[in-house]
């Protein structure tokens, strides 16, 4: 039968052990439950990462589409479609004083390299001959020039010009000023090079500029852009092409330039 006290002691221990076991089991179930409950959160995290990746991919696609569109637009402009050409006023007639006028003949030694340049040689030659006969100051850059344009004895040749601006590091300005020149007529093979930059700089240096439209060579777009830039850009701006606007550019041609007798 045993001692009643001993039996109560064992019974107490058994109850306590059962309670302890219950607590342990409860903790295990709670941990497991917590794990199960946290699983959707892990799934949600994965879903969020996937969504972020999808958004990034959409962004890249959008950028690629925009780039492609821009490229097409640029190609269209570069192709020179007539709709993209600047609108120009017609060349105008001008009469200038030969004593205060110089004719700048720029970089014709490279004429053979420029498409269309050889076709302009007869009109440039005729302009040279009329200018010489009137006593106009003639200034060339670079030699040798094509035979129709051969410089004559006493005509100035600037041989140290570098780049499209023929005033840069040369004596061109002092030469013009020493001869009392106030107007320069510009002809040059590189329409978007020597002609554009030297004409522009002439305006900045307070000379009145006449650009010979029929001597401009290059692509159709260049032939439109260069006169447009000179007539509308800073310095030479003369958008209405008023003849001989002081210190501005005037668009004329070899057949529209005449020399006064005075």
Protein backbone atom coordinates (compact mmCIF):
# COMPACT_ATOMS: atom_id res chain seq x y z
CA UNK A 1 0.00 0.00 0.00
CA UNK A 2 2.90 2.37 0.87
CA UNK A 3 3.14 5.56 2.76
CA UNK A 4 0.27 8.04 1.97
CA UNK A 5 2.68 10.94 2.08
CA UNK A 6 4.89 9.30 -0.51
CA UNK A 7 1.87 8.72 -2.74
CA UNK A 8 0.91 12.42 -2.50
CA UNK A 9 4.47 13.43 -3.31
CA UNK A 10 4.63 11.28 -6.40
CA UNK A 11 1.20 12.53 -7.49
CA UNK A 12 2.41 16.14 -7.13
CA UNK A 13 5.51 15.44 -9.13
CA UNK A 14 3.46 13.77 -11.80
CA UNK A 15 1.13 16.79 -12.04
CA UNK A 16 4.04 19.17 -12.21
CA UNK A 17 5.73 17.08 -14.90
CA UNK A 18 2.54 16.97 -16.91
CA UNK A 19 2.22 20.71 -16.64
CA UNK A 20 5.83 21.19 -17.73
CA UNK A 21 5.34 18.88 -20.68
CA UNK A 22 2.23 20.82 -21.61
CA UNK A 23 4.14 24.10 -21.54
CA UNK A 24 6.93 22.68 -23.73
CA UNK A 25 4.42 21.27 -26.21
CA UNK A 26 2.61 24.59 -26.24
CA UNK A 27 5.80 26.45 -26.95
CA UNK A 28 6.64 24.09 -29.80
CA UNK A 29 3.18 24.52 -31.27
CA UNK A 30 3.48 28.30 -30.92
CA UNK A 31 6.84 28.36 -32.68
CA UNK A 32 5.46 26.17 -35.43
CA UNK A 33 2.43 28.37 -35.67
CA UNK A 34 4.61 31.46 -35.84
CA UNK A 35 6.60 29.88 -38.64
CA UNK A 36 3.45 29.03 -40.54
CA UNK A 37 2.08 32.53 -40.04
CA UNK A 38 5.34 34.11 -41.20
CA UNK A 39 5.39 32.10 -44.42
CA UNK A 40 2.93 34.38 -46.27
CA UNK A 41 5.13 37.35 -45.37
CA UNK A 42 8.04 35.61 -47.06
CA UNK A 43 5.81 34.97 -50.07
CA UNK A 44 4.78 38.63 -50.09
CA UNK A 45 8.44 39.68 -50.07
CA UNK A 46 9.12 37.50 -53.06
CA UNK A 47 6.09 38.98 -54.81
CA UNK A 48 7.31 42.51 -54.10
CA UNK A 49 10.73 41.76 -55.57
CA UNK A 50 9.13 40.32 -58.67
CA UNK A 51 6.96 43.40 -59.08
CA UNK A 52 9.96 45.69 -58.68
CA UNK A 53 11.80 43.76 -61.35
CA UNK A 54 8.82 44.07 -63.67
CA UNK A 55 8.66 47.85 -63.18
CA UNK A 56 12.37 48.17 -63.90
CA UNK A 57 11.94 46.18 -67.09
CA UNK A 58 9.07 48.43 -68.15
CA UNK A 59 11.21 51.49 -67.52
CA UNK A 60 14.04 50.14 -69.65
CA UNK A 61 11.58 49.35 -72.43
CA UNK A 62 10.19 52.89 -72.32
CA UNK A 63 13.69 54.42 -72.54
CA UNK A 64 14.57 52.19 -75.45
CA UNK A 65 11.39 53.23 -77.27
CA UNK A 66 12.15 56.93 -76.72
CA UNK A 67 15.70 56.52 -77.98
CA UNK A 68 14.51 54.76 -81.11
CA UNK A 69 12.02 57.55 -81.81
CA UNK A 70 14.70 60.24 -81.36
CA UNK A 71 17.04 58.43 -83.70
CA UNK A 72 14.37 58.26 -86.38
CA UNK A 73 13.68 61.97 -86.01
CA UNK A 74 17.38 62.85 -86.32
CA UNK A 75 17.77 60.61 -89.35
CA UNK A 76 14.84 62.36 -90.98
CA UNK A 77 16.41 65.75 -90.41
CA UNK A 78 19.81 64.60 -91.63
CA UNK A 79 18.28 63.21 -94.80
CA UNK A 80 17.48 66.79 -95.79
CA UNK A 81 13.75 66.47 -96.48
CA UNK A 82 12.49 69.77 -97.93
CA UNK A 83 10.20 70.34 -94.94
CA UNK A 84 13.25 70.73 -92.69
CA UNK A 85 15.00 73.40 -94.79
CA UNK A 86 15.15 76.90 -93.31
CA UNK A 87 13.15 79.55 -95.17
CA UNK A 88 15.37 82.17 -96.81
CA UNK A 89 14.67 85.60 -98.28
CA UNK A 90 15.69 86.08 -101.89
CA UNK A 91 19.18 87.47 -102.62
CA UNK A 92 19.11 91.23 -103.06
CA UNK A 93 20.99 93.67 -105.27
CA UNK A 94 23.70 95.77 -103.64
CA UNK A 95 25.92 98.58 -104.86
CA UNK A 96 29.17 99.04 -102.96
CA UNK A 97 32.07 101.46 -103.03
CA UNK A 98 35.13 99.64 -104.44
CA UNK A 99 37.48 101.83 -102.41
CA UNK A 100 36.07 100.58 -99.12
CA UNK A 101 35.29 97.00 -100.18
CA UNK A 102 37.37 93.80 -100.05
CA UNK A 103 36.63 90.47 -101.70
CA UNK A 104 37.64 87.49 -99.53
CA UNK A 105 38.32 84.33 -101.55
CA UNK A 106 38.60 81.60 -98.94
CA UNK A 107 40.24 78.16 -99.18
CA UNK A 108 39.71 77.49 -102.90
CA UNK A 109 42.85 75.36 -102.94
CA UNK A 110 40.56 72.60 -101.60
CA UNK A 111 37.92 73.07 -104.28
CA UNK A 112 38.44 69.62 -105.81
CA UNK A 113 37.51 68.01 -102.49
CA UNK A 114 34.12 69.72 -102.27
CA UNK A 115 31.20 68.42 -104.32
CA UNK A 116 29.85 71.14 -106.60
CA UNK A 117 32.77 73.51 -106.08
CA UNK A 118 34.25 73.18 -109.59
CA UNK A 119 30.90 74.23 -111.06
CA UNK A 120 31.14 77.58 -109.23
CA UNK A 121 34.62 78.46 -110.50
CA UNK A 122 33.44 80.36 -113.61
CA UNK A 123 31.17 82.70 -111.62
CA UNK A 124 33.80 83.23 -108.91
CA UNK A 125 36.34 84.00 -111.65
CA UNK A 126 33.97 86.51 -113.26
CA UNK A 127 33.42 88.15 -109.85
CA UNK A 128 37.18 88.37 -109.37
CA UNK A 129 37.71 90.00 -112.76
CA UNK A 130 34.98 92.62 -112.18
CA UNK A 131 36.36 93.36 -108.71
CA UNK A 132 39.90 93.76 -110.01
CA UNK A 133 38.73 96.09 -112.72
CA UNK A 134 36.96 98.22 -110.12
CA UNK A 135 40.06 98.37 -107.88
CA UNK A 136 38.65 96.24 -105.05
CA UNK A 137 41.08 94.80 -102.49
CA UNK A 138 41.40 91.02 -103.13
CA UNK A 139 42.49 88.70 -100.33
CA UNK A 140 43.02 84.94 -100.75
CA UNK A 141 43.63 82.22 -98.17
CA UNK A 142 45.73 79.15 -99.02
CA UNK A 143 47.53 78.35 -102.25
CA UNK A 144 47.54 77.08 -104.91
CA UNK A 145 44.05 78.01 -106.04
CA UNK A 146 42.46 76.47 -109.17
CA UNK A 147 43.74 78.06 -112.42
CA UNK A 148 40.56 80.11 -113.10
CA UNK A 149 41.14 81.91 -109.80
CA UNK A 150 44.91 82.40 -109.92
CA UNK A 151 45.93 85.34 -107.78
CA UNK A 152 47.64 88.23 -109.51
CA UNK A 153 50.82 90.00 -108.51
CA UNK A 154 50.26 92.25 -105.53
CA UNK A 155 47.14 90.44 -104.31
CA UNK A 156 47.32 89.37 -100.69
CA UNK A 157 47.45 85.71 -99.70
CA UNK A 158 47.07 84.73 -96.04
CA UNK A 159 49.09 81.55 -95.62
CA UNK A 160 49.08 81.12 -91.85
CA UNK A 161 45.31 80.79 -91.34
CA UNK A 162 44.26 77.87 -89.18
CA UNK A 163 40.65 76.78 -88.83
CA UNK A 164 37.51 78.32 -90.30
CA UNK A 165 37.87 81.79 -88.74
CA UNK A 166 40.39 83.58 -90.96
CA UNK A 167 40.86 86.37 -88.43
CA UNK A 168 42.28 83.99 -85.86
CA UNK A 169 46.04 84.56 -85.45
CA UNK A 170 46.29 86.40 -88.77
CA UNK A 171 46.72 90.01 -89.86
CA UNK A 172 43.38 90.08 -91.71
CA UNK A 173 41.70 92.70 -89.54
CA UNK A 174 44.67 95.06 -89.48
CA UNK A 175 45.04 94.60 -93.24
CA UNK A 176 41.40 95.55 -93.85
CA UNK A 177 41.58 98.52 -91.49
CA UNK A 178 44.80 99.83 -93.05
CA UNK A 179 43.03 99.96 -96.43
CA UNK A 180 39.97 101.71 -95.02
CA UNK A 181 37.71 98.71 -95.70
CA UNK A 182 34.20 98.83 -94.26
CA UNK A 183 32.50 96.15 -96.43
CA UNK A 184 33.65 92.62 -97.15
CA UNK A 185 32.27 90.31 -99.81
CA UNK A 186 32.80 86.69 -98.83
CA UNK A 187 33.17 83.67 -101.11
CA UNK A 188 34.42 80.37 -99.74
CA UNK A 189 34.21 76.69 -100.56
CA UNK A 190 33.38 75.48 -97.05
CA UNK A 191 29.96 77.05 -96.58
CA UNK A 192 29.67 75.78 -93.01
CA UNK A 193 33.37 76.42 -92.41
CA UNK A 194 35.44 79.39 -93.61
CA UNK A 195 32.56 81.24 -95.24
CA UNK A 196 30.23 81.00 -92.24
CA UNK A 197 32.78 81.67 -89.50
CA UNK A 198 34.72 84.41 -91.28
CA UNK A 199 31.53 86.19 -92.30
CA UNK A 200 30.19 85.91 -88.74
CA UNK A 201 33.42 87.24 -87.28
CA UNK A 202 33.44 90.08 -89.80
CA UNK A 203 30.11 91.28 -88.41
CA UNK A 204 31.44 91.03 -84.87
CA UNK A 205 34.40 93.17 -85.94
CA UNK A 206 32.02 95.83 -87.33
CA UNK A 207 32.34 95.16 -91.04
CA UNK A 208 29.31 95.09 -93.31
CA UNK A 209 29.15 91.65 -94.95
CA UNK A 210 27.89 90.54 -98.36
CA UNK A 211 27.49 86.79 -98.83
CA UNK A 212 27.43 85.47 -102.40
CA UNK A 213 24.64 82.89 -102.35
CA UNK A 214 25.46 81.48 -105.79
CA UNK A 215 28.98 80.51 -104.70
CA UNK A 216 27.83 78.45 -101.70
CA UNK A 217 28.45 74.73 -102.13
CA UNK A 218 27.53 71.70 -100.05
CA UNK A 219 24.40 69.67 -99.46
CA UNK A 220 21.05 71.38 -100.08
CA UNK A 221 20.57 71.61 -96.32
CA UNK A 222 23.96 73.32 -95.82
CA UNK A 223 23.21 75.75 -98.66
CA UNK A 224 20.05 76.78 -96.80
CA UNK A 225 21.34 76.60 -93.26
CA UNK A 226 24.45 78.78 -93.67
CA UNK A 227 22.68 81.87 -95.08
CA UNK A 228 19.88 81.37 -92.55
CA UNK A 229 22.36 81.30 -89.66
CA UNK A 230 24.09 84.45 -90.86
CA UNK A 231 20.81 86.32 -91.35
CA UNK A 232 19.30 85.19 -88.03
CA UNK A 233 22.19 84.41 -85.69
CA UNK A 234 23.79 86.78 -83.17
CA UNK A 235 26.06 89.48 -84.56
CA UNK A 236 25.09 89.39 -88.25
CA UNK A 237 21.32 89.25 -87.72
CA UNK A 238 19.42 90.79 -90.65
CA UNK A 239 16.36 88.56 -90.92
CA UNK A 240 14.62 90.72 -93.55
CA UNK A 241 17.81 90.84 -95.66
CA UNK A 242 17.86 94.62 -95.84
CA UNK A 243 20.56 95.52 -98.41
CA UNK A 244 23.86 96.51 -96.79
CA UNK A 245 22.55 96.81 -93.23
CA UNK A 246 25.49 98.24 -91.30
CA UNK A 247 27.68 95.61 -89.61
CA UNK A 248 25.20 92.89 -90.61
CA UNK A 249 25.06 90.22 -93.29
CA UNK A 250 23.32 90.68 -96.63
CA UNK A 251 22.51 87.72 -98.88
CA UNK A 252 23.28 88.65 -102.48
CA UNK A 253 24.88 86.94 -105.51
CA UNK A 254 27.68 87.56 -108.00
CA UNK A 255 25.21 88.88 -110.59
CA UNK A 256 23.56 91.28 -108.11
CA UNK A 257 26.72 93.02 -106.87
CA UNK A 258 27.71 96.21 -108.63
CA UNK A 259 30.43 98.76 -107.85
CA UNK A 260 29.78 102.46 -107.69
CA UNK A 261 31.95 104.82 -109.66
CA UNK A 262 32.90 106.86 -106.60
